[in-house]
Protein backbone atom coordinates (compact mmCIF):
# COMPACT_ATOMS: atom_id res chain seq x y z
CA MET A 1 22.77 46.43 123.27
CA LYS A 2 26.25 46.55 121.42
CA GLN A 3 28.26 49.44 122.11
CA GLU A 4 29.05 52.41 119.60
CA LYS A 5 27.30 51.41 116.55
CA PHE A 6 27.74 54.85 114.63
CA ASN A 7 30.30 56.43 112.60
CA ILE A 8 32.57 59.12 113.63
CA ILE A 9 34.97 61.55 111.99
CA ILE A 10 37.29 63.97 113.95
CA GLU A 11 38.83 67.01 112.21
CA LYS A 12 41.17 69.80 113.46
CA GLU A 13 42.94 72.65 112.26
CA ILE A 14 46.75 73.37 113.00
CA LEU A 15 48.86 76.26 112.30
CA ARG A 16 52.34 75.98 111.27
CA CYS A 17 54.98 78.53 112.74
CA ASN A 18 58.63 78.45 112.69
CA SER A 19 60.82 78.00 115.85
CA GLU A 20 60.15 81.55 116.99
CA GLY A 21 56.42 81.34 116.84
CA LYS A 22 56.21 83.37 113.63
CA MET A 23 54.44 82.81 110.43
CA GLN A 24 56.02 82.31 107.26
CA LYS A 25 55.88 81.36 103.66
CA VAL A 26 55.85 77.38 103.43
CA THR A 27 54.71 74.75 101.02
CA TYR A 28 52.97 71.57 101.59
CA PRO A 29 55.55 68.88 102.93
CA LYS A 30 56.56 66.59 100.18
CA SER A 31 56.56 63.54 102.91
CA PHE A 32 52.89 63.95 102.85
CA GLY A 33 52.68 63.20 99.12
CA ASN A 34 50.05 64.68 96.97
CA LYS A 35 48.06 67.57 98.65
CA GLU A 36 45.00 67.06 96.69
CA LYS A 37 44.87 63.29 97.33
CA ASN A 38 45.85 63.05 100.91
CA LYS A 39 42.87 62.14 103.09
CA PHE A 40 44.36 62.61 106.34
CA ILE A 41 46.58 65.53 105.95
CA LYS A 42 45.20 68.50 103.99
CA ALA A 43 45.98 72.37 103.71
CA ASN A 44 44.66 75.61 102.75
CA GLN A 45 45.72 77.40 99.74
CA GLU A 46 48.80 79.16 101.61
CA ASN A 47 49.50 75.67 103.38
CA ASN A 48 50.26 77.41 106.48
CA ILE A 49 47.28 75.84 108.08
CA LEU A 50 47.07 72.05 107.76
CA ILE A 51 43.54 70.30 108.21
CA LEU A 52 43.80 66.76 109.88
CA ASN A 53 40.91 64.30 109.16
CA THR A 54 40.43 60.88 110.57
CA PRO A 55 38.96 58.40 108.37
CA ILE A 56 35.32 57.24 109.23
CA CYS A 57 35.61 55.38 112.53
CA LYS A 58 33.32 53.14 114.39
CA SER A 59 34.10 54.09 117.83
CA LEU A 60 35.21 57.00 119.96
CA ILE A 61 38.47 55.33 120.91
CA GLU A 62 39.18 54.38 117.19
CA ALA A 63 38.76 58.14 116.02
CA TYR A 64 40.87 59.77 118.81
CA ASP A 65 43.51 57.03 118.46
CA LYS A 66 43.83 58.01 114.85
CA LEU A 67 43.77 61.55 115.45
CA GLU A 68 46.31 61.19 117.80
CA GLU A 69 48.70 59.18 115.46
CA ILE A 70 47.88 61.58 112.34
CA THR A 71 49.05 64.60 114.56
CA ASN A 72 52.15 62.82 115.79
CA VAL A 73 53.46 62.13 112.39
CA VAL A 74 52.61 65.67 111.54
CA CYS A 75 54.72 66.64 114.57
CA VAL A 76 57.64 64.49 113.51
CA GLU A 77 57.71 65.85 110.22
CA LEU A 78 57.44 69.57 111.09
CA TYR A 79 60.10 68.88 114.02
CA ASN A 80 62.40 67.82 111.59
CA SER A 81 61.74 70.96 109.61
CA LYS A 82 62.20 73.28 112.56
CA GLU A 83 58.67 74.39 112.69
CA LEU A 84 56.06 74.64 115.55
CA ILE A 85 52.34 73.71 115.69
CA TRP A 86 50.63 76.67 117.28
CA PRO A 87 48.22 74.72 120.11
CA PHE A 88 46.14 77.68 120.66
CA SER A 89 42.73 78.51 119.39
CA SER A 90 43.84 81.77 117.73
CA PHE A 91 46.82 83.51 116.15
CA GLU A 92 46.62 86.90 115.27
CA ASP A 93 43.44 87.21 113.18
CA ILE A 94 43.48 83.44 112.45
CA ASP A 95 40.91 81.37 114.46
CA LEU A 96 41.65 77.67 114.83
CA SER A 97 38.97 75.11 115.46
CA SER A 98 37.99 71.44 115.50
CA LYS A 99 34.87 69.69 113.93
CA ILE A 100 33.16 66.28 114.91
CA SER A 101 30.81 64.30 112.46
CA LEU A 102 28.61 61.57 113.73
CA CYS A 103 26.14 59.56 111.87
CA ILE A 104 24.15 57.04 113.79
CA ASP A 105 23.31 53.60 112.27
CA LYS A 106 19.50 53.07 111.84
CA GLN A 107 19.53 49.62 113.57
CA PHE A 108 21.37 50.96 116.39
CA TYR A 109 18.66 53.74 116.71
CA LEU A 110 16.07 51.02 116.70
CA ASP A 111 18.01 49.30 119.50
CA MET A 112 18.09 52.63 121.46
CA ARG A 113 14.35 52.99 120.99
CA LYS A 114 13.89 49.51 122.70
CA LEU A 115 15.71 50.86 125.75
CA ASN A 116 14.07 54.35 125.53
CA ASN A 117 10.48 54.52 124.38
CA ASN A 118 10.62 58.59 124.56
CA LEU A 119 12.63 58.77 121.30
CA PRO A 120 10.84 59.46 118.09
CA GLU A 121 9.85 56.67 116.06
CA ASN A 122 12.03 57.40 113.33
CA LEU A 123 15.83 58.72 113.13
CA GLU A 124 14.77 61.68 110.84
CA ASP A 125 12.42 62.97 113.51
CA ALA A 126 15.03 62.45 116.41
CA TYR A 127 17.64 64.45 114.22
CA LYS A 128 15.04 67.39 114.19
CA ASN A 129 15.15 67.24 117.95
CA VAL A 130 19.09 67.18 117.94
CA LYS A 131 18.95 70.58 115.87
CA GLN A 132 16.43 72.41 118.02
CA GLY A 133 17.79 71.03 121.42
CA PHE A 134 21.58 72.08 120.27
CA ASN A 135 20.17 75.60 119.66
CA GLU A 136 18.78 75.84 123.09
CA LYS A 137 21.33 74.28 124.95
CA VAL A 138 24.83 75.07 123.43
CA HIS A 139 25.25 78.16 125.77
CA LEU A 140 25.77 75.75 128.70
CA LEU A 141 28.98 74.59 126.77
CA GLU A 142 30.65 77.93 125.82
CA LYS A 143 33.15 78.01 128.50
CA VAL A 144 34.87 74.99 127.05
CA PHE A 145 33.88 74.66 123.54
CA GLY A 146 33.34 78.34 122.48
CA LYS A 147 30.51 79.50 120.16
CA CYS A 148 30.32 76.05 118.25
CA THR A 149 27.65 75.53 115.59
CA LEU A 150 25.60 72.38 114.41
CA LYS A 151 24.68 71.21 110.86
CA ILE A 152 22.88 68.20 109.80
CA VAL A 153 23.31 67.00 106.08
CA LYS A 154 22.20 63.87 104.84
CA ASN A 155 22.00 61.88 108.32
CA ASN A 156 25.40 63.29 109.33
CA ILE A 157 25.56 65.53 112.13
CA GLU A 158 28.44 68.05 112.29
CA ILE A 159 29.63 70.17 115.23
CA SER A 160 32.09 72.66 114.17
CA ASN A 161 34.14 75.81 115.36
CA ILE A 162 34.97 73.88 118.49
CA ILE A 163 37.88 75.87 119.64
CA ASN A 164 41.21 74.26 120.07
CA ASP A 165 42.21 73.13 123.65
CA TYR A 166 45.68 74.05 124.44
CA SER A 167 46.05 72.03 127.47
CA THR A 168 46.37 68.92 125.29
CA ARG A 169 48.92 68.36 122.67
CA ILE A 170 46.36 66.85 120.10
CA GLY A 171 44.22 70.10 120.46
CA ILE A 172 41.09 68.27 121.52
CA SER A 173 41.00 66.04 124.42
CA PHE A 174 39.53 62.62 124.60
CA ASP A 175 37.12 63.91 127.29
CA GLU A 176 35.96 66.80 125.27
CA VAL A 177 35.21 64.29 122.18
CA CYS A 178 33.16 61.92 124.53
CA PHE A 179 31.39 64.54 126.19
CA LEU A 180 30.18 66.26 122.86
CA ILE A 181 29.19 62.64 121.39
CA THR A 182 27.24 62.05 124.52
CA PHE A 183 25.66 65.38 124.30
CA LEU A 184 24.32 64.77 120.85
CA PHE A 185 22.91 61.28 121.83
CA SER A 186 21.07 63.29 124.83
CA LEU A 187 19.59 65.77 122.36
CA LEU A 188 18.00 62.79 120.12
CA GLU A 189 14.90 63.19 122.86
CA LYS A 190 13.42 66.62 124.01
CA TYR A 191 14.26 67.66 127.46
CA GLU A 192 14.63 70.49 129.72
CA ALA A 193 18.15 71.53 131.08
CA ASN A 194 18.62 75.00 132.38
CA THR A 195 21.75 74.71 134.26
CA VAL A 196 25.29 72.88 133.55
CA SER A 197 24.35 70.53 136.82
CA GLU A 198 21.02 69.72 135.08
CA GLU A 199 22.81 69.17 131.83
CA ILE A 200 25.53 67.01 133.30
CA LYS A 201 22.68 64.64 134.82
CA ILE A 202 21.25 64.12 131.48
CA LEU A 203 24.38 63.13 129.94
CA ASN A 204 25.27 60.66 132.65
CA LYS A 205 21.69 59.10 132.41
CA THR A 206 22.41 59.13 128.49
CA SER A 207 25.86 57.61 128.65
CA LYS A 208 24.60 54.64 130.95
CA LEU A 209 21.49 54.14 128.98
CA TYR A 210 23.03 53.35 125.80
CA SER A 211 26.26 52.20 126.96
CA LEU A 212 28.45 54.75 125.56
CA LYS A 213 30.93 54.57 128.81
CA THR A 214 31.60 57.98 129.00
CA THR A 215 30.81 59.12 132.55
CA ASP A 216 34.26 59.73 133.75
CA GLU A 217 35.00 61.75 130.73
CA ILE A 218 31.74 63.66 131.49
CA LYS A 219 32.74 64.28 134.98
CA ASN A 220 36.17 65.84 133.68
CA VAL A 221 34.61 68.45 131.56
CA GLU A 222 32.01 69.09 134.19
CA THR A 223 35.01 70.70 136.17
CA LYS A 224 36.01 72.91 133.11
CA LEU A 225 32.29 73.91 132.78
CA LYS A 226 32.05 75.10 136.29
CA LEU A 227 35.28 77.24 136.36
CA LYS A 228 34.74 81.12 136.70
CA LYS A 229 36.99 81.72 133.49
CA SER A 230 36.35 80.13 130.22
CA LYS A 231 39.07 78.27 128.04
CA LYS A 232 39.55 81.49 125.84
CA ASP A 233 40.02 83.63 129.00
CA LEU A 234 42.59 81.16 130.41
CA GLU A 235 44.46 80.96 126.93
CA ASN A 236 44.40 85.12 126.55
CA GLU A 237 46.12 85.46 130.16
CA LEU A 238 49.44 83.50 128.95
CA SER A 239 52.11 85.72 127.44
CA PHE A 240 53.61 85.04 124.02
CA ASP A 241 56.55 83.27 125.75
CA GLU A 242 54.67 81.11 127.82
CA LYS A 243 52.64 79.96 124.69
CA LEU A 244 55.98 79.61 122.70
CA HIS A 245 57.28 77.45 125.54
CA ILE A 246 54.08 75.23 125.62
CA ALA A 247 54.45 74.85 121.72
CA ASN A 248 58.04 73.59 122.02
CA GLU A 249 57.17 71.20 124.66
CA TYR A 250 54.33 69.68 122.72
CA MET A 251 56.42 69.52 119.62
CA LYS A 252 59.18 67.62 121.56
CA GLU A 253 56.60 65.06 122.98
CA GLY A 254 55.19 64.55 119.71
CA TYR A 255 58.80 63.97 118.14
CA ASP A 256 59.27 61.30 121.09
CA THR A 257 56.63 58.99 119.44
CA ARG A 258 58.17 58.63 116.29
CA TYR A 259 59.41 55.02 117.20
CA CYS A 260 55.95 53.59 118.39
CA LEU A 261 52.44 53.86 118.35
CA GLN A 262 50.56 55.32 121.57
CA ARG A 263 48.09 52.69 122.01
CA TYR A 264 49.43 49.46 120.21
CA LYS A 265 52.55 48.87 122.58
CA LYS A 266 52.80 45.32 121.61
CA ILE A 267 53.15 45.64 117.80
CA VAL A 268 56.79 45.12 116.28
CA PRO A 269 58.79 48.25 115.31
CA GLU A 270 58.44 47.60 111.88
CA ALA A 271 54.60 47.53 111.81
CA ALA A 272 54.55 50.95 113.63
CA ALA A 273 56.93 52.34 110.84
CA ILE A 274 54.73 51.15 107.89
CA ILE A 275 51.79 52.36 109.87
CA LYS A 276 53.34 55.84 110.23
CA ASP A 277 54.36 55.92 106.60
CA ALA A 278 50.74 54.88 105.53
CA ILE A 279 49.46 57.90 107.70
CA SER A 280 51.90 60.52 106.15
CA GLN A 281 49.90 59.40 102.73
CA GLY A 282 46.60 59.26 103.81
CA ILE A 283 46.18 55.46 103.64
CA ASN A 284 43.69 53.85 106.32
CA TYR A 285 44.91 51.00 108.61
CA LYS A 286 43.37 48.62 110.84
CA ILE A 287 45.35 46.67 113.51
CA SER A 288 43.75 43.23 113.17
CA ASN A 289 45.97 41.53 115.45
CA GLU A 290 48.20 43.58 117.96
CA SER A 291 50.17 40.61 119.27
CA LYS A 292 51.15 39.23 115.87
CA SER A 293 51.19 42.75 114.27
CA VAL A 294 48.79 42.05 111.66
CA VAL A 295 47.63 45.28 109.83
CA GLU A 296 45.04 45.70 107.37
CA PHE A 297 45.68 48.79 104.94
CA GLU A 298 43.01 50.44 102.82
CA LEU A 299 42.81 52.99 100.29
CA ASN A 300 40.04 53.70 97.71
CA GLY A 301 38.56 50.12 98.30
CA HIS A 302 42.10 48.38 97.79
CA ARG A 303 43.02 46.58 100.58
CA GLU A 304 46.52 44.87 101.64
CA PHE A 305 47.54 42.78 104.77
CA VAL A 306 50.73 43.15 105.94
CA ILE A 307 52.35 41.13 109.11
CA GLU A 308 54.98 42.36 111.12
CA GLY A 309 55.57 45.24 108.78
CA ASN A 310 57.12 43.34 106.00
CA LYS A 311 55.63 39.96 105.28
CA THR A 312 53.18 40.26 102.32
CA ASP A 313 51.28 38.11 99.83
CA ARG A 314 54.12 39.20 97.10
CA ASP A 315 56.67 37.05 98.56
CA SER A 316 55.87 32.94 98.32
CA TYR A 317 55.05 30.82 101.27
CA ILE A 318 58.09 28.77 100.82
CA PHE A 319 60.58 31.86 100.97
CA PRO A 320 60.44 32.13 104.94
CA ILE A 321 60.94 28.38 105.26
CA ILE A 322 64.17 28.47 103.12
CA THR A 323 65.46 31.34 104.98
CA ASP A 324 64.81 30.00 108.27
CA ASP A 325 66.98 27.10 107.40
CA LYS A 326 70.58 28.52 107.30
CA LEU A 327 72.12 25.49 105.41
CA ILE A 328 69.66 25.38 102.55
CA ALA A 329 70.05 29.21 102.16
CA LYS A 330 73.72 28.94 101.93
CA GLN A 331 73.59 26.29 99.46
CA ILE A 332 71.23 28.42 97.22
CA MET A 333 73.36 31.23 97.45
CA ALA A 334 76.73 29.23 96.58
CA GLU A 335 74.72 27.65 93.70
CA ASN A 336 74.15 31.24 92.35
CA GLY A 337 77.83 32.31 92.67
CA ILE A 338 77.62 34.16 95.74
CA ASN A 339 80.23 34.20 98.37
CA VAL A 340 79.40 32.44 101.55
CA PRO A 341 81.38 31.15 104.56
CA ASN A 342 82.13 27.45 104.39
CA ALA A 343 80.38 25.53 107.14
CA ILE A 344 80.13 21.93 108.91
CA LEU A 345 76.93 20.71 110.62
CA LEU A 346 76.36 19.05 113.74
CA GLU A 347 73.31 17.07 114.81
CA SER A 348 72.26 16.57 118.56
CA TYR A 349 72.31 12.62 118.01
CA MET A 350 75.89 12.99 117.23
CA LYS A 351 78.52 11.11 119.66
CA LYS A 352 80.74 13.46 121.38
CA GLU A 353 83.80 11.85 119.78
CA ASP A 354 82.44 12.29 116.43
CA ILE A 355 81.86 15.96 117.27
CA GLU A 356 85.43 16.56 118.54
CA GLU A 357 86.76 14.61 115.40
CA LEU A 358 84.98 17.08 113.09
CA LEU A 359 86.35 19.86 115.45
CA GLU A 360 89.99 18.99 114.95
CA PRO A 361 90.89 20.96 111.66
CA ILE A 362 89.19 24.03 112.96
CA CYS A 363 90.37 24.46 116.42
CA ASN A 364 92.47 27.37 117.17
CA LYS A 365 90.96 29.24 114.26
CA PRO A 366 88.32 32.21 114.10
CA LEU A 367 84.89 30.90 113.70
CA VAL A 368 81.11 31.55 114.23
CA VAL A 369 78.81 28.76 116.14
CA LYS A 370 75.16 29.32 115.51
CA PRO A 371 71.77 27.29 115.69
CA ARG A 372 70.64 26.23 111.96
CA ASN A 373 67.20 27.56 112.53
CA THR A 374 67.20 30.63 114.65
CA ASN A 375 66.92 34.41 114.06
CA TYR A 376 67.62 37.58 116.01
CA GLY A 377 71.10 36.53 116.84
CA ILE A 378 69.75 33.89 119.17
CA GLY A 379 72.00 31.06 120.35
CA ILE A 380 75.20 32.59 118.16
CA THR A 381 78.73 32.96 119.31
CA VAL A 382 81.34 34.45 117.53
CA PHE A 383 85.07 34.07 117.72
CA SER A 384 87.19 36.72 116.14
CA LYS A 385 90.17 35.22 117.44
CA LYS A 386 91.40 31.87 117.82
CA ALA A 387 89.08 29.60 119.56
CA ASN A 388 90.39 26.46 121.54
CA ARG A 389 88.25 23.22 121.87
CA LYS A 390 86.68 23.74 125.09
CA GLU A 391 85.33 27.30 124.06
CA ILE A 392 84.11 25.69 120.96
CA LEU A 393 82.50 22.97 122.93
CA ASN A 394 81.04 25.48 125.11
CA ALA A 395 79.50 27.54 122.46
CA ILE A 396 78.29 24.16 120.66
CA ASP A 397 76.35 23.17 123.85
CA TYR A 398 74.91 26.81 124.18
CA ALA A 399 73.53 26.65 120.47
CA PHE A 400 72.30 23.30 120.98
CA LYS A 401 69.86 24.85 123.60
CA PHE A 402 67.88 26.50 120.58
CA ASP A 403 68.31 23.80 118.00
CA THR A 404 68.92 20.39 117.28
CA ASN A 405 71.21 21.03 114.44
CA VAL A 406 74.10 23.76 114.93
CA LEU A 407 76.41 24.93 112.24
CA ILE A 408 80.04 25.95 112.47
CA GLU A 409 81.07 28.52 109.95
CA GLU A 410 84.48 30.19 109.29
CA TYR A 411 84.58 33.45 110.53
CA ALA A 412 84.59 36.37 107.70
CA LYS A 413 86.76 39.26 108.77
CA GLY A 414 85.32 42.68 108.38
CA LEU A 415 82.06 44.63 109.30
CA GLU A 416 78.72 43.45 109.09
CA TYR A 417 75.88 45.60 107.07
CA ARG A 418 72.36 44.77 106.73
CA PHE A 419 71.03 45.55 102.96
CA LEU A 420 67.49 46.12 102.45
CA VAL A 421 66.18 44.79 99.13
CA ILE A 422 62.58 45.82 98.21
CA ASP A 423 61.16 44.29 94.84
CA GLY A 424 64.70 43.80 93.48
CA LYS A 425 66.28 47.04 94.31
CA CYS A 426 68.57 47.95 97.38
CA LEU A 427 67.10 50.75 99.42
CA SER A 428 69.23 50.91 102.41
CA VAL A 429 72.27 49.83 104.16
CA ALA A 430 72.73 49.78 107.74
CA HIS A 431 75.95 48.97 109.67
CA ARG A 432 75.16 47.22 112.93
CA ARG A 433 77.54 48.25 115.62
CA ALA A 434 77.62 45.53 118.31
CA ALA A 435 76.30 46.07 121.63
CA SER A 436 78.65 48.25 123.27
CA VAL A 437 79.02 50.86 126.29
CA VAL A 438 81.56 53.87 126.68
CA GLY A 439 82.99 54.12 130.17
CA ASP A 440 82.54 57.17 132.10
CA GLY A 441 85.53 56.26 134.81
CA LYS A 442 83.21 55.50 137.79
CA SER A 443 80.39 53.21 136.55
CA THR A 444 80.38 49.47 136.38
CA ILE A 445 79.65 47.75 132.69
CA LYS A 446 76.43 46.63 134.25
CA LYS A 447 75.56 50.17 135.16
CA LEU A 448 76.39 51.26 132.00
CA ILE A 449 74.14 49.05 130.30
CA ASP A 450 71.34 49.82 132.49
CA GLU A 451 71.93 53.47 131.52
CA LYS A 452 71.77 52.53 127.70
CA ASN A 453 68.67 50.69 128.17
CA LYS A 454 67.11 54.02 129.13
CA GLU A 455 67.74 55.82 125.88
CA PRO A 456 64.64 56.43 123.64
CA TRP A 457 66.11 54.50 120.63
CA HIS A 458 66.65 51.08 122.87
CA ILE A 459 63.37 51.47 124.54
CA LEU A 460 61.18 52.34 121.58
CA THR A 461 62.61 49.95 118.93
CA LEU A 462 62.60 46.99 121.53
CA CYS A 463 66.31 46.55 121.18
CA PRO A 464 67.89 46.52 124.69
CA VAL A 465 71.33 45.58 125.70
CA LYS A 466 71.63 42.17 127.25
CA SER A 467 73.72 40.69 129.77
CA ASP A 468 73.58 37.18 128.63
CA GLU A 469 76.11 34.40 128.81
CA PRO A 470 77.76 35.12 125.55
CA VAL A 471 78.27 38.80 126.73
CA ILE A 472 79.95 37.44 130.13
CA GLU A 473 82.17 35.20 127.95
CA TYR A 474 83.08 38.08 125.76
CA LEU A 475 83.72 40.08 128.38
CA ASN A 476 86.12 37.81 130.09
CA LYS A 477 88.13 37.25 127.08
CA GLN A 478 88.90 41.10 127.24
CA GLY A 479 89.73 40.89 131.02
CA TYR A 480 86.55 42.33 131.92
CA THR A 481 83.19 41.38 134.30
CA LEU A 482 80.04 43.16 134.57
CA ASP A 483 81.46 44.73 137.65
CA SER A 484 84.05 46.38 136.05
CA ILE A 485 84.87 50.02 135.71
CA ILE A 486 85.81 51.53 132.17
CA PRO A 487 88.11 54.48 131.96
CA LYS A 488 86.13 57.66 130.59
CA GLY A 489 85.71 57.73 126.83
CA LYS A 490 86.70 54.07 126.18
CA ARG A 491 84.22 51.96 124.29
CA VAL A 492 83.92 48.26 125.36
CA PHE A 493 82.01 45.74 123.17
CA LEU A 494 79.86 43.32 124.73
CA ARG A 495 79.53 40.75 122.05
CA LYS A 496 80.80 40.03 118.55
CA ASN A 497 77.77 39.64 116.76
CA SER A 498 75.94 42.94 115.76
CA ASN A 499 72.38 42.02 115.91
CA CYS A 500 70.34 45.20 117.13
CA SER A 501 68.00 42.71 118.83
CA THR A 502 70.76 41.88 121.32
CA GLY A 503 71.55 45.51 121.84
CA GLY A 504 73.49 46.57 118.92
CA GLU A 505 73.10 49.89 117.16
CA SER A 506 72.39 50.65 113.51
CA ILE A 507 74.25 53.59 111.62
CA ASP A 508 73.02 54.40 108.34
CA MET A 509 75.51 53.79 105.54
CA THR A 510 73.10 54.00 102.25
CA GLN A 511 74.94 56.87 100.83
CA VAL A 512 78.69 55.63 101.30
CA MET A 513 78.03 51.87 100.46
CA PRO A 514 79.55 51.33 97.11
CA ASN A 515 77.24 50.22 94.42
CA LYS A 516 79.18 46.78 93.88
CA PHE A 517 77.95 45.63 96.93
CA LYS A 518 74.49 46.73 96.54
CA LYS A 519 74.39 44.63 93.54
CA ILE A 520 75.43 41.54 95.25
CA ALA A 521 72.52 42.09 97.85
CA GLU A 522 70.16 42.39 94.94
CA LYS A 523 71.50 39.37 93.05
CA THR A 524 71.08 37.43 96.54
CA ALA A 525 67.23 38.50 96.63
CA LYS A 526 66.73 37.23 93.03
CA ALA A 527 68.29 33.92 93.93
CA PHE A 528 65.23 33.55 96.37
CA ASN A 529 62.87 35.53 94.30
CA ALA A 530 62.42 37.48 97.28
CA LYS A 531 60.37 41.00 96.99
CA ILE A 532 61.00 41.77 100.66
CA CYS A 533 64.33 41.04 102.33
CA GLY A 534 67.22 41.63 104.38
CA VAL A 535 70.80 40.72 103.09
CA ASP A 536 73.47 40.65 105.75
CA ILE A 537 76.97 41.19 104.22
CA ILE A 538 80.38 41.12 105.93
CA ILE A 539 82.89 43.59 104.33
CA GLU A 540 86.47 44.40 105.33
CA ASP A 541 87.65 46.97 102.64
CA PHE A 542 85.25 49.02 100.42
CA GLU A 543 87.89 49.15 98.04
CA LYS A 544 88.37 45.33 97.60
CA ASP A 545 85.63 42.88 95.89
CA ASP A 546 85.83 40.62 98.97
CA TYR A 547 82.76 39.79 101.05
CA ALA A 548 80.71 37.21 102.75
CA ILE A 549 77.09 36.93 103.05
CA VAL A 550 76.27 35.46 106.31
CA GLU A 551 72.37 35.36 106.10
CA ILE A 552 69.18 36.43 104.25
CA ASN A 553 66.42 37.38 106.10
CA ASP A 554 62.72 37.17 105.09
CA ASN A 555 61.77 39.06 108.00
CA PRO A 556 64.22 41.85 108.21
CA GLY A 557 64.01 44.28 111.27
CA TYR A 558 64.18 47.16 109.05
CA SER A 559 63.21 49.76 111.85
CA ILE A 560 66.88 49.80 112.17
CA ASN A 561 67.06 51.29 108.53
CA GLU A 562 63.98 53.41 109.00
CA TRP A 563 65.14 54.78 112.34
CA PRO A 564 68.96 54.16 112.55
CA TYR A 565 70.55 54.98 115.95
CA ASP A 566 72.96 57.69 113.92
CA GLY A 567 72.07 58.84 110.57
CA LYS A 568 69.14 59.94 108.45
CA GLY A 569 67.42 56.48 107.64
CA GLU A 570 65.17 55.54 104.82
CA ARG A 571 61.53 55.11 104.65
CA ILE A 572 61.34 51.41 103.99
CA GLY A 573 57.75 51.33 104.86
CA MET A 574 57.24 53.59 102.14
CA SER A 575 58.51 51.48 99.43
CA ILE A 576 56.38 48.34 100.68
CA LEU A 577 53.41 50.48 100.31
CA LYS A 578 54.43 51.20 96.75
CA LEU A 579 55.36 47.56 96.13
CA LEU A 580 51.63 46.82 97.15
CA GLY A 581 50.34 49.52 95.05
CA LEU A 582 48.89 51.64 97.79
CA VAL A 583 51.42 54.39 96.94
CA GLN A 584 51.78 55.62 93.38
CA GLU A 585 55.31 56.75 92.19
């Protein structure tokens, strides 16, 4: 028998308060789009109560997962507005509750009857049993769920007025959702249960019979049902200050989820970013392949697939192939009047003396050595000062580990900036500061790197600071090793290239970047007919017109633009959803 062939929706109410736990006049958050159209985040007339709704889900896990992510998105927005979500079941004269809606598939019911011939012949009669049984047995559940009510409309069962559970940040625990769904399934047939213990035996039997796999959750709720005090009594014993402390702790926990999804840890940060932006607008999502970050979005029957947060069918198949080849990409940009560093190409079959001959004119000059076809800063060595023959040859050998073709480029002086261009418009600019540590006067560089990698931004954006061969070499050029102790307050850079994937940190520069450079990024995207791309530009002086484009990226890691290490950031995922027609201007 297949597991969980039914539809489920979870709804819950949350109250908005200020940081002191007081209600105030509020408006519906602009970041949630149209109040009347957002299916996930609704509000009452005064906007002080938000009603969070999951879409129709096919399983308990999916429904609870989406409820958690919707809650997290709301937490982050309200946290930024210095608001609190009141996690308790009441506030002054306002009662807050949750609701669960369940609709059983008729074929699933027929399969259930094959396992249990005590079930009524048709689902309609089984639903009548649910209604009668609920009224007879609901009093057994009141300590945990309060005086909840049941309604059946058009084959849909609704349990409402489930009091909020302050012991969980989500407002209703996964255990409680599992318990109530199993309780409803048990009521499809008539049975006698006059005590909590008798009821639990029936629920465990039901869970095993229909493969609901909820026995552990039932046991957890059983413990609460057998407490002397109800959930409401325990809540009322808390002082206002204790409640305020819990509310603040929950908001901080919710805010700390901003860089990732709670269940899907393998998807790339860009996929997490666009999913969170979709949730904020009431757009449903399905993660089709977690390891490859394939996500399907749906709104009113309109479906779109997005891979790794930015690959869509709006860009041509050939675009990523061209951009992966740094030499071809440079040629296209040069043909369109875009400044790129000069470069020479080395191939693995070349003889050592031929390579050394090509190096003769560029020895003792600043330069960059990079594989022809890699991304994320892999295999790159940057010499910002004069590089001798031996250093260059070592860098070439390192680059050849990652590709059979290696480029040697002239070094462009200045800082590197990532320009994000979506549908022909530059929306965001971020400076990627190269991986670095700041000394404390007592710790080694290695320990400082370890501490840096414990920061939430580096953990949750999957951008750890690395201690690879180029780092060791770059430190040696500065007179340091990984065991060196740095004076307090001194910043030491670990590598010259500034890729965040190798530990760099992004700083939002969108508002200060001159428009002339944004126009260059837009021109570059147009040269490739790109709808979504990142353009990496080296600029030394904003007042001058000099620049050099070092790369165009078909798969830009825009999490550094959406969630910069320092600065406000831009909602790139939202712009992609607009490009796909899922969000209207």
